[in-house]
């Protein structure tokens, strides 16, 4: 098992964090998730080795359950960094860029992340930069057309619009939701993306987590 936190494999950790009290069996993750039985077995074993998963042996009634959610997230941020994504940076002079963007791209094709997404819940970090995951069928053809449609310019260096080809191609869009009219990645993904990001990523990640706890909202 290469990693419990690779693209498809991470579906198991995501679902366990979203349902921390549930009892799980391997077949819960095989089929419509795209995971094979072997991959699911490998992830269970890896999570157990980390101390995040408890296996309860009861013959045909055996199950697994999340043993330590905080440890699981702590191990995850060691294995993942936002820089694992591919980022295409451009420049827009428009202060209302996100509104313009939303008018051109359907909600199922994008998801805001980093400060852009987290600020819709926290308003914690002032920034003019927009970080946007995209789901494109053909990046080589569709990305240039999208840049032209949105009047985005490529600079020699720098920029304020960051179009992101996701490392987590499967999970990013299956877990997205609407926040204040925009498509945004899950709170868990916001935390993961922010945690090792500069500037002020870890600070914002911790503030987001505290905000969710105060509101009694699930972390995942």
N, C-alpha and C. Protein backbone atom coordinates (compact mmCIF):
# COMPACT_ATOMS: atom_id res chain seq x y z
N UNK A 1 0.86 -1.20 0.00
CA UNK A 1 0.00 0.00 0.00
C UNK A 1 0.89 1.24 0.00
N UNK A 2 0.83 2.02 -1.06
CA UNK A 2 1.71 3.18 -1.17
C UNK A 2 1.39 4.23 -0.12
N UNK A 3 0.12 4.57 0.03
CA UNK A 3 -0.25 5.59 1.01
C UNK A 3 -1.74 5.53 1.28
N UNK A 4 -2.09 5.71 2.57
CA UNK A 4 -3.50 5.79 2.93
C UNK A 4 -4.08 7.14 2.51
N UNK A 5 -3.21 8.04 2.05
CA UNK A 5 -3.64 9.40 1.72
C UNK A 5 -3.45 9.74 0.24
N UNK A 6 -3.35 8.71 -0.60
CA UNK A 6 -3.37 8.96 -2.05
C UNK A 6 -4.81 9.30 -2.46
N UNK A 7 -5.02 9.58 -3.73
CA UNK A 7 -6.31 10.10 -4.18
C UNK A 7 -7.49 9.20 -3.78
N UNK A 8 -7.61 8.04 -4.40
CA UNK A 8 -8.75 7.17 -4.10
C UNK A 8 -8.68 6.61 -2.68
N UNK A 9 -7.48 6.27 -2.22
CA UNK A 9 -7.34 5.70 -0.88
C UNK A 9 -7.86 6.66 0.19
N UNK A 10 -7.71 7.95 -0.03
CA UNK A 10 -8.11 8.94 0.99
C UNK A 10 -9.62 8.97 1.21
N UNK A 11 -10.39 8.37 0.30
CA UNK A 11 -11.85 8.32 0.48
C UNK A 11 -12.20 7.63 1.80
N UNK A 12 -11.41 6.63 2.19
CA UNK A 12 -11.69 5.92 3.43
C UNK A 12 -11.51 6.84 4.63
N UNK A 13 -10.40 7.55 4.69
CA UNK A 13 -10.16 8.48 5.80
C UNK A 13 -11.21 9.59 5.82
N UNK A 14 -11.58 10.09 4.65
CA UNK A 14 -12.57 11.17 4.57
C UNK A 14 -13.92 10.70 5.13
N UNK A 15 -14.35 9.51 4.72
CA UNK A 15 -15.65 9.03 5.18
C UNK A 15 -15.63 8.69 6.67
N UNK A 16 -14.52 8.18 7.16
CA UNK A 16 -14.43 7.88 8.59
C UNK A 16 -14.44 9.15 9.42
N UNK A 17 -13.77 10.18 8.97
CA UNK A 17 -13.77 11.45 9.70
C UNK A 17 -15.14 12.12 9.67
N UNK A 18 -15.87 11.91 8.58
CA UNK A 18 -17.21 12.49 8.47
C UNK A 18 -18.23 11.73 9.31
N UNK A 19 -17.91 10.47 9.65
CA UNK A 19 -18.83 9.63 10.45
C UNK A 19 -18.02 8.92 11.54
N UNK A 20 -17.51 9.68 12.52
CA UNK A 20 -16.53 9.14 13.47
C UNK A 20 -17.04 8.02 14.37
N UNK A 21 -18.34 7.91 14.59
CA UNK A 21 -18.85 6.87 15.48
C UNK A 21 -19.29 5.61 14.77
N UNK A 22 -19.17 5.58 13.47
CA UNK A 22 -19.70 4.45 12.70
C UNK A 22 -18.77 3.24 12.75
N UNK A 23 -19.37 2.05 12.64
CA UNK A 23 -18.62 0.80 12.49
C UNK A 23 -18.51 0.50 10.99
N UNK A 24 -17.30 0.13 10.57
CA UNK A 24 -17.04 -0.05 9.14
C UNK A 24 -16.58 -1.47 8.83
N UNK A 25 -16.94 -1.92 7.64
CA UNK A 25 -16.38 -3.15 7.08
C UNK A 25 -15.82 -2.83 5.71
N UNK A 26 -14.95 -3.67 5.20
CA UNK A 26 -14.28 -3.40 3.94
C UNK A 26 -15.25 -3.15 2.80
N UNK A 27 -16.34 -3.90 2.76
CA UNK A 27 -17.27 -3.78 1.63
C UNK A 27 -17.95 -2.40 1.58
N UNK A 28 -17.88 -1.64 2.67
CA UNK A 28 -18.44 -0.28 2.66
C UNK A 28 -17.71 0.61 1.66
N UNK A 29 -16.46 0.24 1.34
CA UNK A 29 -15.63 1.11 0.49
C UNK A 29 -15.34 0.51 -0.88
N UNK A 30 -15.89 -0.64 -1.16
CA UNK A 30 -15.62 -1.31 -2.44
C UNK A 30 -16.82 -1.16 -3.36
N UNK A 31 -16.55 -0.77 -4.59
CA UNK A 31 -17.65 -0.63 -5.55
C UNK A 31 -17.77 0.79 -6.06
N UNK A 32 -18.78 1.50 -5.58
CA UNK A 32 -19.05 2.83 -6.14
C UNK A 32 -17.97 3.85 -5.79
N UNK A 33 -17.11 3.56 -4.82
CA UNK A 33 -16.01 4.48 -4.50
C UNK A 33 -14.84 4.34 -5.47
N UNK A 34 -14.83 3.23 -6.21
CA UNK A 34 -13.72 2.99 -7.13
C UNK A 34 -12.55 2.27 -6.49
N UNK A 35 -12.68 1.88 -5.21
CA UNK A 35 -11.62 1.15 -4.53
C UNK A 35 -11.79 -0.35 -4.73
N UNK A 36 -10.68 -1.03 -4.90
CA UNK A 36 -10.70 -2.49 -4.96
C UNK A 36 -10.64 -3.03 -3.53
N UNK A 37 -10.96 -4.30 -3.38
CA UNK A 37 -10.88 -4.92 -2.06
C UNK A 37 -9.45 -4.87 -1.53
N UNK A 38 -8.50 -5.11 -2.41
CA UNK A 38 -7.10 -5.08 -1.99
C UNK A 38 -6.66 -3.71 -1.50
N UNK A 39 -7.10 -2.65 -2.21
CA UNK A 39 -6.75 -1.31 -1.78
C UNK A 39 -7.38 -0.98 -0.43
N UNK A 40 -8.65 -1.33 -0.27
CA UNK A 40 -9.33 -1.07 1.00
C UNK A 40 -8.64 -1.80 2.15
N UNK A 41 -8.23 -3.06 1.91
CA UNK A 41 -7.51 -3.82 2.93
C UNK A 41 -6.20 -3.13 3.28
N UNK A 42 -5.51 -2.63 2.28
CA UNK A 42 -4.24 -1.96 2.49
C UNK A 42 -4.40 -0.68 3.31
N UNK A 43 -5.45 0.08 3.03
CA UNK A 43 -5.70 1.32 3.76
C UNK A 43 -6.05 1.01 5.21
N UNK A 44 -6.90 0.01 5.43
CA UNK A 44 -7.25 -0.39 6.80
C UNK A 44 -5.99 -0.75 7.58
N UNK A 45 -5.11 -1.53 6.95
CA UNK A 45 -3.87 -1.96 7.62
C UNK A 45 -2.98 -0.75 7.93
N UNK A 46 -2.87 0.18 6.98
CA UNK A 46 -2.03 1.37 7.18
C UNK A 46 -2.57 2.24 8.31
N UNK A 47 -3.88 2.44 8.34
CA UNK A 47 -4.49 3.25 9.39
C UNK A 47 -4.35 2.59 10.75
N UNK A 48 -4.44 1.26 10.76
CA UNK A 48 -4.26 0.53 12.02
C UNK A 48 -2.82 0.67 12.51
N UNK A 49 -1.87 0.58 11.61
CA UNK A 49 -0.45 0.73 11.98
C UNK A 49 -0.17 2.12 12.55
N UNK A 50 -0.87 3.12 12.06
CA UNK A 50 -0.70 4.49 12.58
C UNK A 50 -1.32 4.67 13.96
N UNK A 51 -2.21 3.76 14.33
CA UNK A 51 -2.93 3.90 15.59
C UNK A 51 -4.23 4.67 15.45
N UNK A 52 -4.66 4.86 14.19
CA UNK A 52 -5.89 5.64 13.93
C UNK A 52 -7.13 4.76 13.85
N UNK A 53 -6.93 3.46 13.62
CA UNK A 53 -8.05 2.55 13.37
C UNK A 53 -8.01 1.38 14.35
N UNK A 54 -9.16 1.04 14.88
CA UNK A 54 -9.30 -0.12 15.76
C UNK A 54 -10.04 -1.22 15.02
N UNK A 55 -9.50 -2.44 15.04
CA UNK A 55 -10.15 -3.59 14.42
C UNK A 55 -10.76 -4.45 15.52
N UNK A 56 -12.03 -4.72 15.43
CA UNK A 56 -12.75 -5.53 16.42
C UNK A 56 -13.08 -6.88 15.79
N UNK A 57 -12.55 -7.95 16.34
CA UNK A 57 -12.71 -9.29 15.78
C UNK A 57 -13.92 -9.98 16.42
N UNK A 58 -14.96 -10.22 15.64
CA UNK A 58 -16.16 -10.92 16.12
C UNK A 58 -16.66 -11.88 15.05
N UNK A 59 -15.73 -12.60 14.43
CA UNK A 59 -16.11 -13.53 13.38
C UNK A 59 -16.81 -12.82 12.25
N UNK A 60 -17.99 -13.30 11.83
CA UNK A 60 -18.72 -12.66 10.72
C UNK A 60 -19.22 -11.24 11.07
N UNK A 61 -19.14 -10.89 12.35
CA UNK A 61 -19.60 -9.57 12.79
C UNK A 61 -18.43 -8.63 13.09
N UNK A 62 -17.26 -8.95 12.59
CA UNK A 62 -16.07 -8.12 12.79
C UNK A 62 -16.27 -6.76 12.12
N UNK A 63 -15.63 -5.75 12.66
CA UNK A 63 -15.73 -4.40 12.09
C UNK A 63 -14.51 -3.58 12.49
N UNK A 64 -14.42 -2.41 11.90
CA UNK A 64 -13.36 -1.46 12.25
C UNK A 64 -14.01 -0.13 12.60
N UNK A 65 -13.34 0.65 13.40
CA UNK A 65 -13.85 1.98 13.72
C UNK A 65 -12.69 2.95 13.93
N UNK A 66 -12.96 4.21 13.70
CA UNK A 66 -11.95 5.24 13.87
C UNK A 66 -11.59 5.34 15.35
N UNK A 67 -10.31 5.20 15.64
CA UNK A 67 -9.87 5.21 17.04
C UNK A 67 -9.40 6.58 17.49
N UNK A 68 -8.84 7.38 16.57
CA UNK A 68 -8.28 8.67 16.96
C UNK A 68 -8.32 9.62 15.77
N UNK A 69 -9.37 10.45 15.71
CA UNK A 69 -9.54 11.37 14.58
C UNK A 69 -8.43 12.41 14.52
N UNK A 70 -8.04 12.94 15.68
CA UNK A 70 -6.99 13.97 15.71
C UNK A 70 -5.66 13.41 15.20
N UNK A 71 -5.35 12.19 15.59
CA UNK A 71 -4.11 11.56 15.12
C UNK A 71 -4.16 11.34 13.62
N UNK A 72 -5.32 10.94 13.11
CA UNK A 72 -5.46 10.72 11.67
C UNK A 72 -5.18 11.99 10.89
N UNK A 73 -5.75 13.11 11.33
CA UNK A 73 -5.51 14.38 10.64
C UNK A 73 -4.06 14.80 10.78
N UNK A 74 -3.47 14.58 11.95
CA UNK A 74 -2.06 14.92 12.17
C UNK A 74 -1.14 14.14 11.24
N UNK A 75 -1.45 12.85 11.04
CA UNK A 75 -0.65 12.04 10.12
C UNK A 75 -0.85 12.48 8.68
N UNK A 76 -2.06 12.91 8.38
CA UNK A 76 -2.38 13.32 7.01
C UNK A 76 -1.59 14.57 6.62
N UNK A 77 -1.52 15.55 7.50
CA UNK A 77 -0.81 16.78 7.13
C UNK A 77 0.70 16.57 7.04
N UNK A 78 1.19 15.46 7.58
CA UNK A 78 2.59 15.12 7.38
C UNK A 78 2.82 14.58 5.97
N UNK A 79 1.80 13.95 5.43
CA UNK A 79 1.93 13.27 4.13
C UNK A 79 1.52 14.14 2.95
N UNK A 80 0.78 15.22 3.21
CA UNK A 80 0.20 16.01 2.11
C UNK A 80 0.56 17.49 2.24
N UNK A 81 0.85 18.10 1.10
CA UNK A 81 1.06 19.55 1.02
C UNK A 81 0.33 20.07 -0.21
N UNK A 82 -0.14 21.30 -0.14
CA UNK A 82 -0.85 21.89 -1.28
C UNK A 82 0.03 21.90 -2.52
N UNK A 83 1.33 21.98 -2.35
CA UNK A 83 2.26 22.04 -3.49
C UNK A 83 2.24 20.75 -4.32
N UNK A 84 1.57 19.71 -3.83
CA UNK A 84 1.43 18.48 -4.61
C UNK A 84 0.45 18.68 -5.77
N UNK A 85 -0.33 19.73 -5.74
CA UNK A 85 -1.20 20.09 -6.86
C UNK A 85 -0.40 20.81 -7.93
N UNK A 86 -0.98 20.91 -9.12
CA UNK A 86 -0.36 21.70 -10.20
C UNK A 86 -1.11 23.03 -10.31
N UNK A 87 -0.38 24.14 -10.21
CA UNK A 87 -1.01 25.46 -10.15
C UNK A 87 -0.62 26.30 -11.36
N UNK A 88 -1.62 26.88 -12.01
CA UNK A 88 -1.41 27.78 -13.14
C UNK A 88 -1.79 29.19 -12.68
N UNK A 89 -0.81 30.07 -12.60
CA UNK A 89 -1.04 31.41 -12.03
C UNK A 89 -1.20 32.46 -13.12
N UNK A 90 -2.21 33.31 -12.95
CA UNK A 90 -2.52 34.37 -13.91
C UNK A 90 -2.82 35.66 -13.15
N UNK A 91 -3.16 36.69 -13.92
CA UNK A 91 -3.48 37.98 -13.29
C UNK A 91 -4.80 38.52 -13.83
N UNK A 92 -5.61 39.06 -12.92
CA UNK A 92 -6.82 39.79 -13.31
C UNK A 92 -6.82 41.15 -12.63
N UNK A 93 -7.26 42.21 -13.34
CA UNK A 93 -7.38 43.52 -12.71
C UNK A 93 -8.72 43.69 -12.00
N UNK A 94 -9.63 42.72 -12.18
CA UNK A 94 -10.99 42.86 -11.68
C UNK A 94 -11.11 42.45 -10.21
N UNK A 95 -11.57 43.37 -9.39
CA UNK A 95 -11.75 43.08 -7.96
C UNK A 95 -12.92 42.12 -7.73
N UNK A 96 -13.86 42.08 -8.67
CA UNK A 96 -15.00 41.17 -8.54
C UNK A 96 -14.77 39.91 -9.36
N UNK A 97 -13.52 39.46 -9.45
CA UNK A 97 -13.17 38.34 -10.30
C UNK A 97 -13.98 37.08 -9.97
N UNK A 98 -14.15 36.76 -8.70
CA UNK A 98 -14.85 35.51 -8.36
C UNK A 98 -16.30 35.53 -8.83
N UNK A 99 -16.94 36.67 -8.78
CA UNK A 99 -18.30 36.77 -9.31
C UNK A 99 -18.30 36.56 -10.81
N UNK A 100 -17.32 37.14 -11.50
CA UNK A 100 -17.20 36.95 -12.94
C UNK A 100 -16.92 35.48 -13.27
N UNK A 101 -16.05 34.89 -12.47
CA UNK A 101 -15.70 33.48 -12.67
C UNK A 101 -16.93 32.60 -12.52
N UNK A 102 -17.69 32.82 -11.45
CA UNK A 102 -18.87 31.99 -11.17
C UNK A 102 -19.91 32.09 -12.28
N UNK A 103 -19.96 33.22 -12.96
CA UNK A 103 -20.91 33.40 -14.05
C UNK A 103 -20.51 32.60 -15.29
N UNK A 104 -19.24 32.22 -15.38
CA UNK A 104 -18.74 31.51 -16.56
C UNK A 104 -18.54 30.02 -16.35
N UNK A 105 -18.35 29.59 -15.08
CA UNK A 105 -18.01 28.20 -14.80
C UNK A 105 -19.07 27.60 -13.87
N UNK A 106 -19.63 26.46 -14.24
CA UNK A 106 -20.67 25.84 -13.43
C UNK A 106 -20.09 25.28 -12.13
N UNK A 107 -20.94 25.18 -11.10
CA UNK A 107 -20.50 24.81 -9.76
C UNK A 107 -19.83 23.45 -9.70
N UNK A 108 -20.23 22.53 -10.58
CA UNK A 108 -19.65 21.19 -10.54
C UNK A 108 -18.25 21.12 -11.16
N UNK A 109 -17.79 22.24 -11.73
CA UNK A 109 -16.51 22.27 -12.42
C UNK A 109 -15.42 22.99 -11.63
N UNK A 110 -15.75 23.53 -10.47
CA UNK A 110 -14.72 24.24 -9.70
C UNK A 110 -14.99 24.12 -8.21
N UNK A 111 -13.96 24.45 -7.42
CA UNK A 111 -14.12 24.51 -5.96
C UNK A 111 -13.02 25.41 -5.40
N UNK A 112 -13.43 26.40 -4.63
CA UNK A 112 -12.47 27.31 -4.01
C UNK A 112 -11.74 26.62 -2.87
N UNK A 113 -10.50 27.02 -2.66
CA UNK A 113 -9.73 26.46 -1.55
C UNK A 113 -8.81 27.51 -0.94
N UNK A 114 -7.98 27.08 0.01
CA UNK A 114 -7.07 27.95 0.75
C UNK A 114 -7.83 29.14 1.33
N UNK A 115 -7.19 30.30 1.40
CA UNK A 115 -7.84 31.45 2.01
C UNK A 115 -9.12 31.84 1.27
N UNK A 116 -9.14 31.61 -0.05
CA UNK A 116 -10.32 31.97 -0.85
C UNK A 116 -11.57 31.24 -0.36
N UNK A 117 -11.42 29.95 -0.06
CA UNK A 117 -12.56 29.16 0.42
C UNK A 117 -12.82 29.35 1.89
N UNK A 118 -11.75 29.34 2.70
CA UNK A 118 -11.90 29.43 4.15
C UNK A 118 -12.45 30.79 4.59
N UNK A 119 -12.10 31.85 3.87
CA UNK A 119 -12.59 33.19 4.24
C UNK A 119 -14.10 33.31 4.17
N UNK A 120 -14.73 32.49 3.36
CA UNK A 120 -16.19 32.52 3.28
C UNK A 120 -16.82 32.05 4.59
N UNK A 121 -16.03 31.34 5.40
CA UNK A 121 -16.51 30.91 6.71
C UNK A 121 -15.91 31.73 7.84
N UNK A 122 -14.70 32.26 7.63
CA UNK A 122 -13.99 32.89 8.74
C UNK A 122 -13.70 34.37 8.54
N UNK A 123 -13.48 34.81 7.29
CA UNK A 123 -13.06 36.19 7.04
C UNK A 123 -11.75 36.51 7.74
N UNK A 124 -10.88 35.51 7.90
CA UNK A 124 -9.72 35.62 8.77
C UNK A 124 -8.50 36.27 8.13
N UNK A 125 -8.29 36.05 6.83
CA UNK A 125 -7.08 36.54 6.16
C UNK A 125 -7.47 37.41 4.97
N UNK A 126 -7.02 38.63 4.97
CA UNK A 126 -7.27 39.52 3.84
C UNK A 126 -6.30 39.17 2.72
N UNK A 127 -6.86 38.90 1.55
CA UNK A 127 -6.02 38.56 0.41
C UNK A 127 -6.76 38.88 -0.88
N UNK A 128 -6.01 39.24 -1.91
CA UNK A 128 -6.59 39.48 -3.23
C UNK A 128 -6.39 38.26 -4.14
N UNK A 129 -5.76 37.23 -3.63
CA UNK A 129 -5.49 36.03 -4.43
C UNK A 129 -6.67 35.07 -4.38
N UNK A 130 -6.94 34.43 -5.51
CA UNK A 130 -8.01 33.44 -5.61
C UNK A 130 -7.40 32.09 -5.99
N UNK A 131 -7.68 31.06 -5.19
CA UNK A 131 -7.21 29.71 -5.46
C UNK A 131 -8.42 28.84 -5.79
N UNK A 132 -8.40 28.27 -7.00
CA UNK A 132 -9.59 27.58 -7.51
C UNK A 132 -9.21 26.24 -8.13
N UNK A 133 -9.72 25.16 -7.54
CA UNK A 133 -9.58 23.85 -8.19
C UNK A 133 -10.51 23.81 -9.39
N UNK A 134 -10.01 23.22 -10.48
CA UNK A 134 -10.82 23.06 -11.69
C UNK A 134 -10.93 21.59 -12.07
N UNK A 135 -12.07 21.23 -12.62
CA UNK A 135 -12.26 19.90 -13.19
C UNK A 135 -12.44 20.07 -14.69
N UNK A 136 -11.39 19.80 -15.45
CA UNK A 136 -11.41 19.94 -16.90
C UNK A 136 -11.14 18.58 -17.52
N UNK A 137 -11.84 18.28 -18.60
CA UNK A 137 -11.63 17.01 -19.30
C UNK A 137 -10.34 17.02 -20.10
N UNK A 138 -10.01 18.18 -20.67
CA UNK A 138 -8.80 18.31 -21.47
C UNK A 138 -8.11 19.62 -21.09
N UNK A 139 -7.14 19.54 -20.20
CA UNK A 139 -6.51 20.76 -19.68
C UNK A 139 -5.79 21.53 -20.78
N UNK A 140 -5.14 20.83 -21.68
CA UNK A 140 -4.37 21.49 -22.74
C UNK A 140 -5.25 22.37 -23.62
N UNK A 141 -6.50 21.94 -23.86
CA UNK A 141 -7.40 22.71 -24.71
C UNK A 141 -8.28 23.67 -23.92
N UNK A 142 -8.81 23.20 -22.79
CA UNK A 142 -9.80 23.99 -22.07
C UNK A 142 -9.21 25.12 -21.22
N UNK A 143 -8.03 24.93 -20.67
CA UNK A 143 -7.45 25.97 -19.83
C UNK A 143 -7.16 27.26 -20.61
N UNK A 144 -6.54 27.21 -21.80
CA UNK A 144 -6.33 28.45 -22.57
C UNK A 144 -7.64 29.15 -22.92
N UNK A 145 -8.69 28.36 -23.25
CA UNK A 145 -9.97 28.96 -23.59
C UNK A 145 -10.58 29.66 -22.38
N UNK A 146 -10.44 29.04 -21.21
CA UNK A 146 -10.98 29.65 -20.00
C UNK A 146 -10.23 30.93 -19.64
N UNK A 147 -8.93 30.92 -19.78
CA UNK A 147 -8.13 32.13 -19.52
C UNK A 147 -8.59 33.27 -20.44
N UNK A 148 -8.81 32.94 -21.72
CA UNK A 148 -9.23 33.97 -22.68
C UNK A 148 -10.61 34.49 -22.32
N UNK A 149 -11.53 33.62 -21.99
CA UNK A 149 -12.89 34.02 -21.65
C UNK A 149 -12.92 34.93 -20.42
N UNK A 150 -12.05 34.65 -19.45
CA UNK A 150 -12.01 35.42 -18.21
C UNK A 150 -11.04 36.59 -18.27
N UNK A 151 -10.41 36.78 -19.43
CA UNK A 151 -9.46 37.88 -19.63
C UNK A 151 -8.30 37.81 -18.65
N UNK A 152 -7.80 36.60 -18.43
CA UNK A 152 -6.67 36.41 -17.53
C UNK A 152 -5.36 36.55 -18.30
N UNK A 153 -4.41 37.23 -17.67
CA UNK A 153 -3.12 37.46 -18.31
C UNK A 153 -2.03 36.64 -17.63
N UNK A 154 -1.10 36.15 -18.43
CA UNK A 154 0.06 35.44 -17.89
C UNK A 154 1.21 36.45 -17.75
N UNK A 155 1.73 36.56 -16.53
CA UNK A 155 2.84 37.47 -16.27
C UNK A 155 4.15 36.71 -16.23
N UNK A 156 5.26 37.44 -16.34
CA UNK A 156 6.56 36.79 -16.24
C UNK A 156 6.72 36.10 -14.89
N UNK A 157 6.17 36.73 -13.87
CA UNK A 157 6.13 36.10 -12.55
C UNK A 157 5.01 36.72 -11.72
N UNK A 158 4.51 35.95 -10.77
CA UNK A 158 3.45 36.46 -9.90
C UNK A 158 2.08 36.40 -10.56
N UNK A 159 1.09 36.89 -9.85
CA UNK A 159 -0.29 36.88 -10.30
C UNK A 159 -1.22 36.75 -9.11
N UNK A 160 -2.51 36.89 -9.35
CA UNK A 160 -3.47 36.84 -8.24
C UNK A 160 -4.61 35.84 -8.45
N UNK A 161 -4.55 35.10 -9.55
CA UNK A 161 -5.53 34.04 -9.79
C UNK A 161 -4.75 32.74 -10.01
N UNK A 162 -5.09 31.73 -9.22
CA UNK A 162 -4.35 30.47 -9.25
C UNK A 162 -5.33 29.34 -9.58
N UNK A 163 -5.26 28.84 -10.79
CA UNK A 163 -6.13 27.76 -11.26
C UNK A 163 -5.41 26.45 -11.00
N UNK A 164 -6.06 25.55 -10.30
CA UNK A 164 -5.38 24.39 -9.72
C UNK A 164 -5.88 23.08 -10.31
N UNK A 165 -4.95 22.30 -10.81
CA UNK A 165 -5.24 20.92 -11.24
C UNK A 165 -5.00 20.01 -10.04
N UNK A 166 -6.06 19.40 -9.49
CA UNK A 166 -5.93 18.78 -8.17
C UNK A 166 -5.18 17.45 -8.13
N UNK A 167 -4.42 17.28 -7.08
CA UNK A 167 -3.83 15.99 -6.75
C UNK A 167 -4.93 15.00 -6.38
N UNK A 168 -5.91 15.48 -5.59
CA UNK A 168 -7.06 14.65 -5.21
C UNK A 168 -8.17 14.82 -6.25
N UNK A 169 -7.98 14.21 -7.41
CA UNK A 169 -8.93 14.38 -8.51
C UNK A 169 -10.31 13.84 -8.17
N UNK A 170 -10.35 12.75 -7.40
CA UNK A 170 -11.63 12.11 -7.08
C UNK A 170 -12.35 12.84 -5.95
N UNK A 171 -11.66 13.05 -4.85
CA UNK A 171 -12.30 13.52 -3.62
C UNK A 171 -12.64 15.01 -3.63
N UNK A 172 -11.84 15.82 -4.30
CA UNK A 172 -12.07 17.27 -4.27
C UNK A 172 -13.50 17.61 -4.66
N UNK A 173 -13.99 17.02 -5.72
CA UNK A 173 -15.29 17.42 -6.25
C UNK A 173 -16.45 16.60 -5.68
N UNK A 174 -16.16 15.41 -5.19
CA UNK A 174 -17.24 14.64 -4.57
C UNK A 174 -17.61 15.22 -3.20
N UNK A 175 -16.67 15.91 -2.55
CA UNK A 175 -16.91 16.46 -1.22
C UNK A 175 -17.23 17.96 -1.22
N UNK A 176 -17.22 18.59 -2.38
CA UNK A 176 -17.44 20.04 -2.40
C UNK A 176 -18.86 20.38 -1.95
N UNK A 177 -19.06 21.64 -1.51
CA UNK A 177 -20.40 22.09 -1.11
C UNK A 177 -20.51 23.57 -1.43
N UNK A 178 -21.69 24.14 -1.25
CA UNK A 178 -21.90 25.56 -1.53
C UNK A 178 -21.79 26.37 -0.24
N UNK A 179 -21.01 27.44 -0.30
CA UNK A 179 -20.87 28.37 0.83
C UNK A 179 -21.04 29.79 0.28
N UNK A 180 -22.08 30.46 0.73
CA UNK A 180 -22.37 31.84 0.30
C UNK A 180 -22.40 31.97 -1.22
N UNK A 181 -22.97 30.95 -1.86
CA UNK A 181 -23.15 31.02 -3.31
C UNK A 181 -21.99 30.50 -4.14
N UNK A 182 -20.90 30.08 -3.47
CA UNK A 182 -19.74 29.58 -4.20
C UNK A 182 -19.50 28.10 -3.89
N UNK A 183 -18.96 27.39 -4.87
CA UNK A 183 -18.56 26.00 -4.67
C UNK A 183 -17.21 26.00 -3.94
N UNK A 184 -17.15 25.27 -2.82
CA UNK A 184 -15.97 25.27 -1.96
C UNK A 184 -15.63 23.82 -1.58
N UNK A 185 -14.35 23.52 -1.42
CA UNK A 185 -13.95 22.18 -0.98
C UNK A 185 -14.45 21.96 0.46
N UNK A 186 -14.40 20.72 0.93
CA UNK A 186 -14.84 20.40 2.29
C UNK A 186 -13.97 21.11 3.32
N UNK A 187 -14.48 21.23 4.54
CA UNK A 187 -13.70 21.85 5.61
C UNK A 187 -12.42 21.06 5.87
N UNK A 188 -12.51 19.74 5.78
CA UNK A 188 -11.32 18.91 5.94
C UNK A 188 -10.28 19.26 4.89
N UNK A 189 -10.69 19.38 3.63
CA UNK A 189 -9.74 19.71 2.57
C UNK A 189 -9.18 21.12 2.73
N UNK A 190 -10.01 22.05 3.18
CA UNK A 190 -9.50 23.39 3.47
C UNK A 190 -8.38 23.32 4.50
N UNK A 191 -8.60 22.55 5.55
CA UNK A 191 -7.60 22.40 6.61
C UNK A 191 -6.32 21.78 6.06
N UNK A 192 -6.46 20.72 5.28
CA UNK A 192 -5.30 20.05 4.70
C UNK A 192 -4.52 20.99 3.79
N UNK A 193 -5.22 21.73 2.94
CA UNK A 193 -4.55 22.64 2.01
C UNK A 193 -3.85 23.78 2.75
N UNK A 194 -4.51 24.32 3.77
CA UNK A 194 -3.96 25.46 4.49
C UNK A 194 -2.78 25.11 5.37
N UNK A 195 -2.78 23.93 5.94
CA UNK A 195 -1.89 23.62 7.06
C UNK A 195 -0.41 23.87 6.77
N UNK A 196 0.06 23.49 5.60
CA UNK A 196 1.48 23.67 5.25
C UNK A 196 1.69 24.79 4.23
N UNK A 197 0.69 25.66 4.10
CA UNK A 197 0.74 26.70 3.07
C UNK A 197 1.22 28.03 3.67
N UNK A 198 2.01 28.73 2.87
CA UNK A 198 2.45 30.08 3.24
C UNK A 198 1.97 31.08 2.21
N UNK A 199 1.53 32.29 2.64
CA UNK A 199 1.60 32.81 4.00
C UNK A 199 0.34 32.51 4.83
N UNK A 200 0.50 32.39 6.14
CA UNK A 200 -0.54 32.32 7.16
C UNK A 200 -1.48 31.13 7.03
N UNK A 201 -1.02 30.08 6.35
CA UNK A 201 -1.89 28.93 6.15
C UNK A 201 -2.20 28.18 7.44
N UNK A 202 -1.16 27.86 8.22
CA UNK A 202 -1.39 27.07 9.43
C UNK A 202 -2.22 27.86 10.44
N UNK A 203 -1.96 29.15 10.52
CA UNK A 203 -2.74 30.01 11.41
C UNK A 203 -4.22 29.99 11.03
N UNK A 204 -4.49 30.06 9.74
CA UNK A 204 -5.87 30.06 9.26
C UNK A 204 -6.50 28.68 9.46
N UNK A 205 -5.71 27.62 9.25
CA UNK A 205 -6.22 26.26 9.45
C UNK A 205 -6.69 26.07 10.89
N UNK A 206 -5.88 26.52 11.83
CA UNK A 206 -6.25 26.37 13.25
C UNK A 206 -7.47 27.21 13.58
N UNK A 207 -7.56 28.40 13.01
CA UNK A 207 -8.71 29.27 13.28
C UNK A 207 -9.98 28.66 12.69
N UNK A 208 -9.87 28.08 11.50
CA UNK A 208 -11.01 27.41 10.89
C UNK A 208 -11.50 26.27 11.77
N UNK A 209 -10.57 25.47 12.26
CA UNK A 209 -10.92 24.34 13.12
C UNK A 209 -11.63 24.83 14.39
N UNK A 210 -11.10 25.89 15.00
CA UNK A 210 -11.72 26.44 16.21
C UNK A 210 -13.11 27.00 15.91
N UNK A 211 -13.26 27.63 14.75
CA UNK A 211 -14.56 28.18 14.36
C UNK A 211 -15.60 27.08 14.22
N UNK A 212 -15.21 25.98 13.59
CA UNK A 212 -16.13 24.86 13.42
C UNK A 212 -16.51 24.24 14.76
N UNK A 213 -15.54 24.12 15.66
CA UNK A 213 -15.82 23.57 16.99
C UNK A 213 -16.81 24.45 17.76
N UNK A 214 -16.61 25.76 17.66
CA UNK A 214 -17.51 26.70 18.36
C UNK A 214 -18.94 26.57 17.83
N UNK A 215 -19.06 26.34 16.54
CA UNK A 215 -20.38 26.24 15.92
C UNK A 215 -20.97 24.84 16.01
N UNK A 216 -20.18 23.90 16.50
CA UNK A 216 -20.65 22.51 16.61
C UNK A 216 -20.78 21.83 15.26
N UNK A 217 -20.01 22.29 14.26
CA UNK A 217 -20.06 21.69 12.94
C UNK A 217 -19.02 20.59 12.82
N UNK A 218 -19.32 19.52 12.09
CA UNK A 218 -18.33 18.43 11.93
C UNK A 218 -17.13 18.93 11.15
N UNK A 219 -15.95 18.43 11.53
CA UNK A 219 -14.70 18.87 10.92
C UNK A 219 -14.62 18.47 9.46
N UNK A 220 -15.11 17.26 9.15
CA UNK A 220 -15.06 16.76 7.77
C UNK A 220 -16.28 17.21 7.00
